[in-house]
N, C-alpha and C. Protein backbone atom coordinates (compact mmCIF):
# COMPACT_ATOMS: atom_id res chain seq x y z
N UNK A 1 7.10 11.36 -63.78
CA UNK A 1 7.36 11.43 -62.46
C UNK A 1 6.14 11.03 -61.54
N UNK A 2 5.15 11.48 -62.17
CA UNK A 2 3.61 10.88 -61.51
C UNK A 2 3.65 9.47 -61.45
N UNK A 3 4.06 8.59 -62.56
CA UNK A 3 4.08 7.20 -62.62
C UNK A 3 5.23 6.60 -61.54
N UNK A 4 6.24 7.15 -61.25
CA UNK A 4 7.19 6.70 -60.42
C UNK A 4 6.64 6.61 -58.86
N UNK A 5 6.02 7.88 -58.64
CA UNK A 5 5.31 7.83 -57.29
C UNK A 5 4.08 7.11 -57.20
N UNK A 6 3.51 6.63 -58.07
CA UNK A 6 2.34 5.85 -57.96
C UNK A 6 2.96 4.34 -57.93
N UNK A 7 3.95 4.02 -58.58
CA UNK A 7 4.55 2.64 -58.59
C UNK A 7 5.18 2.40 -57.21
N UNK A 8 5.58 3.36 -56.58
CA UNK A 8 6.27 3.37 -55.14
C UNK A 8 5.19 3.21 -54.28
N UNK A 9 3.99 3.95 -54.26
CA UNK A 9 3.06 3.60 -53.37
C UNK A 9 2.43 2.43 -53.44
N UNK A 10 2.32 1.90 -54.74
CA UNK A 10 1.70 0.52 -54.87
C UNK A 10 2.74 -0.57 -54.13
N UNK A 11 3.89 -0.39 -54.64
CA UNK A 11 4.91 -1.26 -53.81
C UNK A 11 4.83 -1.26 -52.42
N UNK A 12 4.79 -0.34 -51.73
CA UNK A 12 4.47 -0.18 -50.36
C UNK A 12 3.50 -0.78 -49.88
N UNK A 13 2.12 -0.46 -50.55
CA UNK A 13 0.95 -1.07 -49.98
C UNK A 13 1.03 -2.73 -50.27
N UNK A 14 1.53 -2.99 -51.31
CA UNK A 14 1.73 -4.60 -51.60
C UNK A 14 2.60 -5.42 -50.53
N UNK A 15 3.84 -4.70 -50.05
CA UNK A 15 4.58 -5.20 -49.09
C UNK A 15 4.00 -5.29 -47.77
N UNK A 16 3.09 -4.30 -47.39
CA UNK A 16 2.41 -4.04 -46.27
C UNK A 16 1.60 -5.06 -46.15
N UNK A 17 0.74 -5.41 -47.13
CA UNK A 17 -0.40 -6.60 -47.20
C UNK A 17 0.31 -8.01 -47.00
N UNK A 18 1.51 -8.10 -47.77
CA UNK A 18 2.33 -9.77 -47.67
C UNK A 18 2.80 -9.65 -45.89
N UNK A 19 3.43 -8.50 -45.48
CA UNK A 19 3.93 -8.80 -44.31
C UNK A 19 2.69 -8.88 -43.34
N UNK A 20 1.60 -8.28 -43.31
CA UNK A 20 0.49 -8.52 -42.52
C UNK A 20 -0.04 -10.06 -42.67
N UNK A 21 -0.28 -10.56 -43.95
CA UNK A 21 -0.55 -11.83 -44.07
C UNK A 21 0.37 -12.91 -43.31
N UNK A 22 1.69 -12.55 -43.66
CA UNK A 22 2.54 -13.42 -43.04
C UNK A 22 2.44 -13.57 -41.48
N UNK A 23 2.42 -12.53 -41.00
CA UNK A 23 2.22 -12.43 -39.33
C UNK A 23 0.81 -13.12 -38.90
N UNK A 24 -0.18 -12.76 -39.77
CA UNK A 24 -1.37 -13.35 -39.38
C UNK A 24 -1.25 -15.02 -39.47
N UNK A 25 -0.55 -15.66 -40.38
CA UNK A 25 -0.47 -16.99 -40.56
C UNK A 25 0.42 -17.46 -39.72
N UNK A 26 1.51 -16.83 -39.17
CA UNK A 26 2.23 -17.40 -38.18
C UNK A 26 1.45 -17.49 -36.66
N UNK A 27 0.65 -16.75 -36.44
CA UNK A 27 0.03 -16.97 -35.06
C UNK A 27 -1.20 -17.80 -35.11
N UNK A 28 -1.54 -18.30 -36.09
CA UNK A 28 -2.55 -19.19 -36.15
C UNK A 28 -4.08 -18.61 -36.57
N UNK A 29 -4.90 -19.33 -36.31
CA UNK A 29 -6.33 -18.65 -36.53
C UNK A 29 -6.70 -17.60 -35.62
N UNK A 30 -7.62 -16.64 -36.05
CA UNK A 30 -7.86 -15.42 -35.30
C UNK A 30 -8.66 -15.83 -34.09
N UNK A 31 -8.43 -15.41 -33.00
CA UNK A 31 -8.94 -15.61 -31.71
C UNK A 31 -10.01 -14.70 -31.34
N UNK A 32 -10.64 -13.92 -32.33
CA UNK A 32 -11.56 -13.15 -32.01
C UNK A 32 -12.70 -14.06 -31.86
N UNK A 33 -12.95 -15.17 -32.57
CA UNK A 33 -14.16 -16.26 -32.60
C UNK A 33 -13.57 -17.55 -32.15
N UNK A 34 -13.50 -17.71 -30.84
CA UNK A 34 -12.98 -18.74 -30.28
C UNK A 34 -13.82 -19.86 -30.19
N UNK A 35 -13.52 -21.20 -30.21
CA UNK A 35 -14.40 -22.43 -30.09
C UNK A 35 -15.12 -22.36 -28.82
N UNK A 36 -16.50 -22.59 -29.07
CA UNK A 36 -17.31 -22.58 -27.81
C UNK A 36 -16.91 -23.34 -26.66
N UNK A 37 -16.37 -24.55 -26.93
CA UNK A 37 -16.13 -25.46 -25.90
C UNK A 37 -14.82 -25.02 -25.10
N UNK A 38 -14.00 -24.33 -25.73
CA UNK A 38 -12.68 -23.78 -25.08
C UNK A 38 -13.02 -22.69 -24.44
N UNK A 39 -14.09 -21.67 -24.86
CA UNK A 39 -14.38 -20.77 -24.17
C UNK A 39 -15.16 -21.09 -22.73
N UNK A 40 -16.05 -21.88 -22.88
CA UNK A 40 -16.64 -22.19 -21.62
C UNK A 40 -15.74 -22.90 -20.47
N UNK A 41 -14.78 -23.55 -20.98
CA UNK A 41 -13.72 -24.26 -20.23
C UNK A 41 -12.96 -22.99 -19.57
N UNK A 42 -12.68 -22.09 -20.27
CA UNK A 42 -11.89 -20.92 -19.90
C UNK A 42 -12.61 -20.23 -18.86
N UNK A 43 -13.80 -19.87 -19.05
CA UNK A 43 -14.68 -19.33 -18.07
C UNK A 43 -14.80 -20.08 -16.87
N UNK A 44 -15.12 -21.28 -16.76
CA UNK A 44 -15.11 -22.10 -15.47
C UNK A 44 -13.86 -22.00 -14.84
N UNK A 45 -12.55 -22.19 -15.26
CA UNK A 45 -11.28 -21.83 -14.78
C UNK A 45 -11.22 -20.42 -14.17
N UNK A 46 -11.54 -19.46 -15.01
CA UNK A 46 -11.49 -18.06 -14.33
C UNK A 46 -12.25 -17.97 -13.20
N UNK A 47 -13.55 -18.46 -13.07
CA UNK A 47 -14.40 -18.25 -12.02
C UNK A 47 -14.03 -18.99 -10.89
N UNK A 48 -13.19 -20.12 -11.00
CA UNK A 48 -12.91 -20.95 -9.73
C UNK A 48 -11.46 -20.18 -9.21
N UNK A 49 -10.87 -19.45 -9.93
CA UNK A 49 -9.46 -18.95 -9.46
C UNK A 49 -9.97 -17.45 -8.57
N UNK A 50 -11.12 -16.83 -8.87
CA UNK A 50 -11.46 -15.53 -8.33
C UNK A 50 -12.22 -15.76 -7.06
N UNK A 51 -12.05 -14.84 -6.38
CA UNK A 51 -12.80 -14.82 -4.92
C UNK A 51 -13.03 -13.20 -4.62
N UNK A 52 -14.03 -12.98 -3.85
CA UNK A 52 -14.30 -11.68 -3.28
C UNK A 52 -13.38 -11.43 -1.83
N UNK A 53 -12.98 -10.17 -1.72
CA UNK A 53 -12.15 -9.77 -0.54
C UNK A 53 -12.78 -8.46 -0.27
N UNK A 54 -13.03 -8.26 1.16
CA UNK A 54 -13.15 -7.00 1.56
C UNK A 54 -12.04 -6.03 1.81
N UNK A 55 -11.98 -4.82 1.31
CA UNK A 55 -10.74 -3.97 1.42
C UNK A 55 -10.95 -3.39 2.84
N UNK A 56 -9.86 -3.45 3.46
CA UNK A 56 -9.79 -2.82 4.95
C UNK A 56 -9.80 -1.20 5.02
N UNK A 57 -9.38 -0.96 3.67
CA UNK A 57 -9.26 0.60 3.67
C UNK A 57 -10.70 1.40 3.15
N UNK A 58 -11.35 0.90 2.39
CA UNK A 58 -12.51 1.67 1.68
C UNK A 58 -13.76 0.71 1.98
N UNK A 59 -13.82 -0.39 2.55
CA UNK A 59 -14.66 -1.22 3.17
C UNK A 59 -15.50 -1.80 2.05
N UNK A 60 -14.99 -1.95 0.78
CA UNK A 60 -15.69 -2.42 -0.42
C UNK A 60 -15.29 -3.74 -0.97
N UNK A 61 -16.18 -4.59 -1.46
CA UNK A 61 -15.75 -5.88 -1.93
C UNK A 61 -14.82 -5.66 -3.27
N UNK A 62 -13.75 -6.40 -3.63
CA UNK A 62 -13.17 -6.50 -4.63
C UNK A 62 -13.18 -7.98 -5.30
N UNK A 63 -13.16 -8.38 -6.59
CA UNK A 63 -12.99 -9.48 -7.20
C UNK A 63 -11.69 -9.82 -7.64
N UNK A 64 -11.03 -10.63 -6.75
CA UNK A 64 -9.66 -10.82 -6.99
C UNK A 64 -9.12 -12.23 -7.49
N UNK A 65 -8.07 -12.31 -7.94
CA UNK A 65 -7.37 -13.50 -8.46
C UNK A 65 -6.83 -14.09 -7.33
N UNK A 66 -7.30 -15.55 -6.75
CA UNK A 66 -6.64 -16.05 -5.79
C UNK A 66 -5.22 -16.46 -5.89
N UNK A 67 -4.75 -16.64 -7.12
CA UNK A 67 -3.46 -17.03 -7.50
C UNK A 67 -2.31 -15.97 -7.58
N UNK A 68 -2.85 -14.84 -7.64
CA UNK A 68 -2.08 -13.74 -7.53
C UNK A 68 -1.34 -13.43 -5.97
N UNK A 69 -0.02 -13.06 -5.90
CA UNK A 69 0.48 -12.98 -4.75
C UNK A 69 0.17 -11.47 -4.17
N UNK A 70 -0.08 -10.69 -4.87
CA UNK A 70 -0.57 -9.23 -4.53
C UNK A 70 -1.74 -8.89 -5.11
N UNK A 71 -2.84 -8.89 -4.27
CA UNK A 71 -4.37 -8.85 -4.41
C UNK A 71 -4.54 -7.30 -4.30
N UNK A 72 -4.90 -6.64 -5.32
CA UNK A 72 -5.43 -4.97 -5.13
C UNK A 72 -6.76 -4.70 -5.21
N UNK A 73 -7.15 -3.90 -4.46
CA UNK A 73 -8.65 -3.42 -4.31
C UNK A 73 -8.85 -2.73 -5.75
N UNK A 74 -10.12 -3.16 -6.40
CA UNK A 74 -10.35 -2.52 -7.47
C UNK A 74 -10.98 -1.07 -7.48
N UNK A 75 -11.14 -0.63 -6.03
CA UNK A 75 -11.84 0.49 -5.94
C UNK A 75 -10.73 1.78 -5.46
N UNK A 76 -9.95 1.10 -4.38
CA UNK A 76 -8.90 2.42 -3.92
C UNK A 76 -7.62 2.14 -4.24
N UNK A 77 -7.33 0.86 -4.80
CA UNK A 77 -5.93 0.41 -5.18
C UNK A 77 -5.14 -0.09 -3.85
N UNK A 78 -5.65 -0.39 -2.82
CA UNK A 78 -5.09 -0.74 -1.57
C UNK A 78 -4.67 -2.39 -1.70
N UNK A 79 -3.41 -2.72 -1.38
CA UNK A 79 -2.81 -3.94 -1.31
C UNK A 79 -3.66 -4.89 -0.20
N UNK A 80 -4.49 -5.74 -0.85
CA UNK A 80 -5.35 -6.29 0.36
C UNK A 80 -4.64 -7.53 1.06
N UNK A 81 -3.51 -7.63 0.62
CA UNK A 81 -2.72 -8.61 1.56
C UNK A 81 -2.02 -8.14 2.76
N UNK A 82 -1.92 -6.73 2.66
CA UNK A 82 -1.39 -5.96 3.74
C UNK A 82 -2.51 -5.33 4.74
N UNK A 83 -2.34 -5.59 6.01
CA UNK A 83 -3.37 -4.84 6.98
C UNK A 83 -3.32 -3.43 6.80
N UNK A 84 -4.46 -2.88 7.18
CA UNK A 84 -4.48 -1.31 7.16
C UNK A 84 -4.45 -0.87 8.31
N UNK A 85 -3.53 0.24 8.42
CA UNK A 85 -3.50 0.82 10.00
C UNK A 85 -3.59 2.47 9.81
N UNK A 86 -4.71 2.92 10.54
CA UNK A 86 -4.80 4.28 10.62
C UNK A 86 -5.49 4.64 11.78
N UNK A 87 -4.61 4.80 12.67
CA UNK A 87 -5.18 4.95 14.47
C UNK A 87 -4.59 6.35 14.97
N UNK A 88 -5.27 6.89 15.88
CA UNK A 88 -4.73 8.09 16.51
C UNK A 88 -5.05 7.97 17.96
N UNK A 89 -4.07 8.27 18.73
CA UNK A 89 -3.89 8.18 20.37
C UNK A 89 -3.06 9.10 20.91
N UNK A 90 -3.17 9.14 22.22
CA UNK A 90 -2.12 10.05 23.08
C UNK A 90 -1.12 9.01 23.64
N UNK A 91 0.15 9.73 23.49
CA UNK A 91 1.32 8.85 24.04
C UNK A 91 1.33 8.53 25.31
N UNK A 92 1.93 7.72 25.72
CA UNK A 92 2.29 7.22 27.25
C UNK A 92 3.35 7.79 27.78
N UNK A 93 3.51 8.46 28.83
CA UNK A 93 4.68 8.83 29.64
C UNK A 93 5.69 9.61 28.66
N UNK A 94 4.85 11.03 28.37
CA UNK A 94 5.97 11.72 27.91
C UNK A 94 6.23 12.62 29.18
N UNK A 95 7.43 12.99 29.23
CA UNK A 95 8.21 13.67 30.22
C UNK A 95 8.03 15.14 30.14
N UNK A 96 7.99 15.75 31.26
CA UNK A 96 7.93 17.25 31.20
C UNK A 96 9.03 18.10 31.52
N UNK A 97 10.37 17.52 31.19
CA UNK A 97 11.56 18.11 31.41
C UNK A 97 11.72 19.56 30.37
N UNK A 98 12.36 20.71 30.85
CA UNK A 98 12.52 21.74 29.93
C UNK A 98 13.41 21.32 28.62
N UNK A 99 14.26 20.31 28.95
CA UNK A 99 15.27 20.13 27.65
C UNK A 99 14.56 18.97 27.18
N UNK A 100 13.40 18.49 27.22
CA UNK A 100 12.79 17.38 26.51
C UNK A 100 12.68 17.32 25.21
N UNK A 101 12.76 16.22 24.62
CA UNK A 101 12.55 16.46 22.89
C UNK A 101 11.06 16.60 22.57
N UNK A 102 10.02 16.69 23.68
CA UNK A 102 8.76 16.88 23.26
C UNK A 102 8.46 18.57 23.15
N UNK A 103 9.24 19.40 23.80
CA UNK A 103 9.12 20.82 23.72
C UNK A 103 9.37 21.26 22.16
N UNK A 104 10.31 20.41 21.70
CA UNK A 104 10.83 20.88 20.06
C UNK A 104 9.85 20.38 19.14
N UNK A 105 8.67 19.43 19.50
CA UNK A 105 7.99 18.93 18.29
C UNK A 105 6.95 19.86 17.89
N UNK A 106 6.65 19.74 16.57
CA UNK A 106 5.90 20.56 15.83
C UNK A 106 4.59 19.59 15.31
N UNK A 107 3.49 20.04 15.37
CA UNK A 107 2.44 19.59 14.60
C UNK A 107 2.81 19.15 13.16
N UNK A 108 2.46 17.98 12.65
CA UNK A 108 2.68 17.36 11.39
C UNK A 108 4.35 16.75 11.28
N UNK A 109 5.09 16.90 12.57
CA UNK A 109 6.23 16.36 12.41
C UNK A 109 6.30 14.92 12.16
N UNK A 110 7.22 14.56 11.43
CA UNK A 110 7.30 13.14 11.30
C UNK A 110 8.10 12.32 12.45
N UNK A 111 7.57 11.21 13.00
CA UNK A 111 8.04 10.57 13.92
C UNK A 111 8.35 9.05 13.64
N UNK A 112 9.14 8.51 14.44
CA UNK A 112 9.47 6.79 14.15
C UNK A 112 9.17 6.01 14.94
N UNK A 113 8.51 4.83 14.83
CA UNK A 113 8.17 4.00 15.89
C UNK A 113 8.81 2.56 15.56
N UNK A 114 9.39 2.08 17.01
CA UNK A 114 10.18 0.84 16.87
C UNK A 114 9.69 -0.02 18.03
N UNK A 115 9.47 -1.27 17.62
CA UNK A 115 9.17 -2.24 18.63
C UNK A 115 10.43 -2.82 19.31
N UNK A 116 10.38 -2.43 20.79
CA UNK A 116 11.65 -2.87 21.42
C UNK A 116 11.24 -3.18 22.79
N UNK A 117 12.28 -3.78 23.55
CA UNK A 117 12.33 -3.83 24.92
C UNK A 117 13.15 -2.92 25.62
N UNK A 118 12.46 -2.02 26.40
CA UNK A 118 13.20 -0.81 27.07
C UNK A 118 13.38 -1.17 28.52
N UNK A 119 14.68 -1.34 29.07
CA UNK A 119 14.89 -1.69 30.43
C UNK A 119 15.45 -0.45 31.04
N UNK A 120 14.88 -0.25 32.12
CA UNK A 120 14.98 1.04 33.11
C UNK A 120 15.67 0.37 34.15
N UNK A 121 16.20 1.37 35.20
CA UNK A 121 16.99 0.85 36.33
C UNK A 121 15.86 0.19 37.37
N UNK A 122 14.51 0.96 37.17
CA UNK A 122 13.39 0.61 37.96
C UNK A 122 12.47 -0.75 37.49
N UNK A 123 12.40 -0.87 36.15
CA UNK A 123 11.67 -1.79 35.48
C UNK A 123 11.95 -1.82 33.93
N UNK A 124 11.27 -3.10 33.68
CA UNK A 124 11.52 -3.37 32.09
C UNK A 124 10.24 -3.17 31.34
N UNK A 125 10.26 -2.46 30.31
CA UNK A 125 8.99 -2.05 29.60
C UNK A 125 9.07 -2.64 28.31
N UNK A 126 8.17 -3.55 27.89
CA UNK A 126 7.93 -3.91 26.45
C UNK A 126 7.04 -3.37 25.76
N UNK A 127 7.27 -2.49 24.81
CA UNK A 127 6.47 -1.75 24.15
C UNK A 127 6.98 -1.30 22.64
N UNK A 128 6.19 -0.40 22.33
CA UNK A 128 6.70 0.29 21.05
C UNK A 128 7.01 1.80 21.37
N UNK A 129 8.25 2.18 21.11
CA UNK A 129 8.75 3.49 21.33
C UNK A 129 8.60 4.28 20.20
N UNK A 130 8.26 5.60 20.73
CA UNK A 130 8.06 6.65 19.53
C UNK A 130 9.31 7.48 19.54
N UNK A 131 9.88 7.65 18.52
CA UNK A 131 11.19 8.69 18.46
C UNK A 131 11.12 9.84 17.66
N UNK A 132 11.73 10.92 17.90
CA UNK A 132 11.65 12.10 17.19
C UNK A 132 13.00 11.96 15.91
N UNK A 133 12.99 12.86 15.16
CA UNK A 133 14.00 12.82 13.88
C UNK A 133 15.34 12.74 14.60
N UNK A 134 15.67 13.37 15.78
CA UNK A 134 17.17 13.24 16.37
C UNK A 134 17.28 11.90 16.94
N UNK A 135 16.47 11.15 17.10
CA UNK A 135 16.60 9.71 17.75
C UNK A 135 16.28 9.77 19.25
N UNK A 136 15.59 10.66 19.80
CA UNK A 136 15.29 10.89 21.17
C UNK A 136 13.93 10.20 21.49
N UNK A 137 13.75 9.30 22.47
CA UNK A 137 12.41 8.81 22.85
C UNK A 137 11.44 9.99 23.12
N UNK A 138 10.26 9.79 22.53
CA UNK A 138 9.28 11.08 22.83
C UNK A 138 8.23 10.37 23.81
N UNK A 139 7.89 9.23 23.55
CA UNK A 139 7.10 8.55 24.34
C UNK A 139 6.63 7.06 23.98
N UNK A 140 5.85 6.10 24.62
CA UNK A 140 5.33 4.94 24.06
C UNK A 140 4.02 4.90 23.73
N UNK A 141 3.58 3.74 22.82
CA UNK A 141 2.43 3.50 22.62
C UNK A 141 1.43 2.73 23.95
N UNK A 142 0.23 3.16 23.96
CA UNK A 142 -0.44 2.43 25.22
C UNK A 142 -0.70 1.10 24.93
N UNK A 143 -0.67 0.29 26.01
CA UNK A 143 -0.56 -1.21 26.08
C UNK A 143 -1.85 -1.89 25.08
N UNK A 144 -2.82 -1.08 25.14
CA UNK A 144 -3.94 -1.76 24.48
C UNK A 144 -3.66 -1.54 23.04
N UNK A 145 -3.19 -0.37 22.56
CA UNK A 145 -2.77 -0.23 21.31
C UNK A 145 -1.71 -0.92 20.76
N UNK A 146 -0.82 -1.40 21.63
CA UNK A 146 0.50 -2.11 21.16
C UNK A 146 -0.15 -3.55 20.69
N UNK A 147 -1.06 -4.06 21.59
CA UNK A 147 -1.53 -5.53 21.52
C UNK A 147 -2.12 -5.61 20.04
N UNK A 148 -2.92 -4.55 19.72
CA UNK A 148 -3.74 -4.43 18.46
C UNK A 148 -2.69 -4.12 17.11
N UNK A 149 -1.74 -3.43 17.42
CA UNK A 149 -0.78 -2.91 16.36
C UNK A 149 0.26 -3.75 16.07
N UNK A 150 0.84 -4.44 16.92
CA UNK A 150 2.11 -5.32 16.64
C UNK A 150 1.98 -6.23 15.51
N UNK A 151 0.86 -7.02 15.62
CA UNK A 151 0.79 -7.81 14.45
C UNK A 151 0.68 -7.29 13.10
N UNK A 152 -0.16 -6.16 13.06
CA UNK A 152 -0.22 -5.39 11.84
C UNK A 152 0.91 -4.88 11.34
N UNK A 153 1.89 -4.31 12.41
CA UNK A 153 2.95 -3.66 12.00
C UNK A 153 4.14 -4.55 11.57
N UNK A 154 3.95 -5.78 11.98
CA UNK A 154 5.00 -6.91 11.40
C UNK A 154 4.55 -7.40 9.98
N UNK A 155 3.26 -7.10 9.51
CA UNK A 155 2.91 -7.61 8.31
C UNK A 155 2.82 -6.52 7.48
N UNK A 156 3.38 -5.33 7.88
CA UNK A 156 3.13 -4.02 6.66
C UNK A 156 4.56 -3.61 6.38
N UNK A 157 4.51 -3.14 5.11
CA UNK A 157 5.65 -2.75 4.61
C UNK A 157 6.36 -1.61 4.95
N UNK A 158 5.57 -0.63 5.44
CA UNK A 158 6.03 0.71 5.92
C UNK A 158 5.08 1.21 6.86
N UNK A 159 5.58 1.76 8.15
CA UNK A 159 4.72 2.27 9.04
C UNK A 159 5.32 3.99 9.25
N UNK A 160 4.21 4.48 9.16
CA UNK A 160 4.48 6.36 9.32
C UNK A 160 3.74 6.69 10.60
N UNK A 161 4.15 7.72 11.21
CA UNK A 161 3.77 8.29 12.33
C UNK A 161 3.97 9.75 12.26
N UNK A 162 3.12 10.65 12.82
CA UNK A 162 3.23 12.17 12.84
C UNK A 162 2.53 12.54 14.17
N UNK A 163 3.18 13.86 14.48
CA UNK A 163 2.43 14.51 15.60
C UNK A 163 1.23 15.17 14.99
N UNK A 164 0.14 14.60 15.58
CA UNK A 164 -1.34 15.07 15.20
C UNK A 164 -1.65 16.52 15.85
N UNK A 165 -1.63 16.33 17.32
CA UNK A 165 -1.93 17.56 18.00
C UNK A 165 -0.99 17.60 19.21
N UNK A 166 -0.75 18.69 19.77
CA UNK A 166 -0.09 18.97 21.13
C UNK A 166 -1.07 19.64 21.98
N UNK A 167 -0.97 19.09 23.33
CA UNK A 167 -1.87 19.76 24.41
C UNK A 167 -0.90 20.15 25.56
N UNK A 168 -0.52 21.58 25.10
CA UNK A 168 0.26 22.23 25.96
C UNK A 168 -0.09 22.34 27.40
N UNK A 169 -1.26 22.35 27.71
CA UNK A 169 -1.57 22.20 29.29
C UNK A 169 -1.27 20.91 30.09
N UNK A 170 -1.41 19.91 29.56
CA UNK A 170 -0.98 18.55 29.98
C UNK A 170 0.18 17.96 29.70
N UNK A 171 0.69 18.56 28.63
CA UNK A 171 1.99 18.16 28.12
C UNK A 171 1.84 16.92 27.13
N UNK A 172 0.74 16.50 26.67
CA UNK A 172 0.33 15.22 25.98
C UNK A 172 0.62 15.32 24.63
N UNK A 173 0.76 14.37 23.96
CA UNK A 173 0.89 14.39 22.39
C UNK A 173 0.06 13.27 21.96
N UNK A 174 -0.69 13.84 20.84
CA UNK A 174 -1.61 12.82 20.09
C UNK A 174 -0.80 12.77 18.73
N UNK A 175 -0.74 11.29 18.25
CA UNK A 175 0.00 10.92 17.13
C UNK A 175 -1.17 10.05 16.29
N UNK A 176 -0.60 10.17 14.92
CA UNK A 176 -1.20 9.41 13.96
C UNK A 176 -0.30 8.53 13.55
N UNK A 177 -0.65 7.02 13.72
CA UNK A 177 0.21 5.98 13.04
C UNK A 177 -0.75 5.36 11.88
N UNK A 178 -0.08 5.16 10.87
CA UNK A 178 -0.64 4.86 9.62
C UNK A 178 0.48 3.87 8.66
N UNK A 179 -0.24 3.41 7.63
CA UNK A 179 0.63 2.77 6.38
C UNK A 179 0.07 3.13 5.53
N UNK A 180 -0.53 4.17 5.41
CA UNK A 180 -1.33 4.83 4.21
C UNK A 180 -0.75 6.30 3.94
N UNK A 181 0.09 6.25 2.88
CA UNK A 181 0.64 7.48 2.57
C UNK A 181 -0.38 8.84 2.26
N UNK A 182 -1.55 8.42 1.82
CA UNK A 182 -2.41 9.60 1.40
C UNK A 182 -2.89 9.93 2.72
N UNK A 183 -3.36 9.19 3.89
CA UNK A 183 -3.71 9.75 5.14
C UNK A 183 -2.78 10.30 5.90
N UNK A 184 -1.32 10.09 5.61
CA UNK A 184 -0.17 10.47 6.24
C UNK A 184 -0.07 11.93 6.02
N UNK A 185 -0.21 12.39 4.58
CA UNK A 185 0.12 13.74 4.29
C UNK A 185 -1.02 14.28 3.71
N UNK A 186 -2.16 13.63 3.85
CA UNK A 186 -3.29 14.36 3.16
C UNK A 186 -4.43 15.21 4.30
């Protein structure tokens, strides 16, 4: 009985060695010791394909491949091809009616921003409107913020907004607009 287990063990070891050698011979010579001329050529191509980019989120330099469509920050993981938005401001023109959607807002409540043209009977207003979860307009972004945010919003994958604080005396609302999930809920 002892001889049978020894023979089976030896066969398993022998077959494993054969399979390893076949696999090694199929893939060519070992790449652990590359030819020095090909190694130098590979390094030159690599350096030419890489560049430094400053991350708008963490303000650090990242060494990224120019040929990649998506360039990721080595430090914080931000997509370097997407602009970084993280701004807080007070809304324009919130109304003070008793049945106004503003009275039902709570701190940290999610808001939605939409770039649109709003036409009143009095005037036309081209801006970014802020809506609550029921679809009611809460207010508009200030003009200087709209000019800064509009190009960034069009290049961003997602835009998030939430109520940061409510000033009950003046009826003003401060909101946070960001495309960074960690800043939104952190």
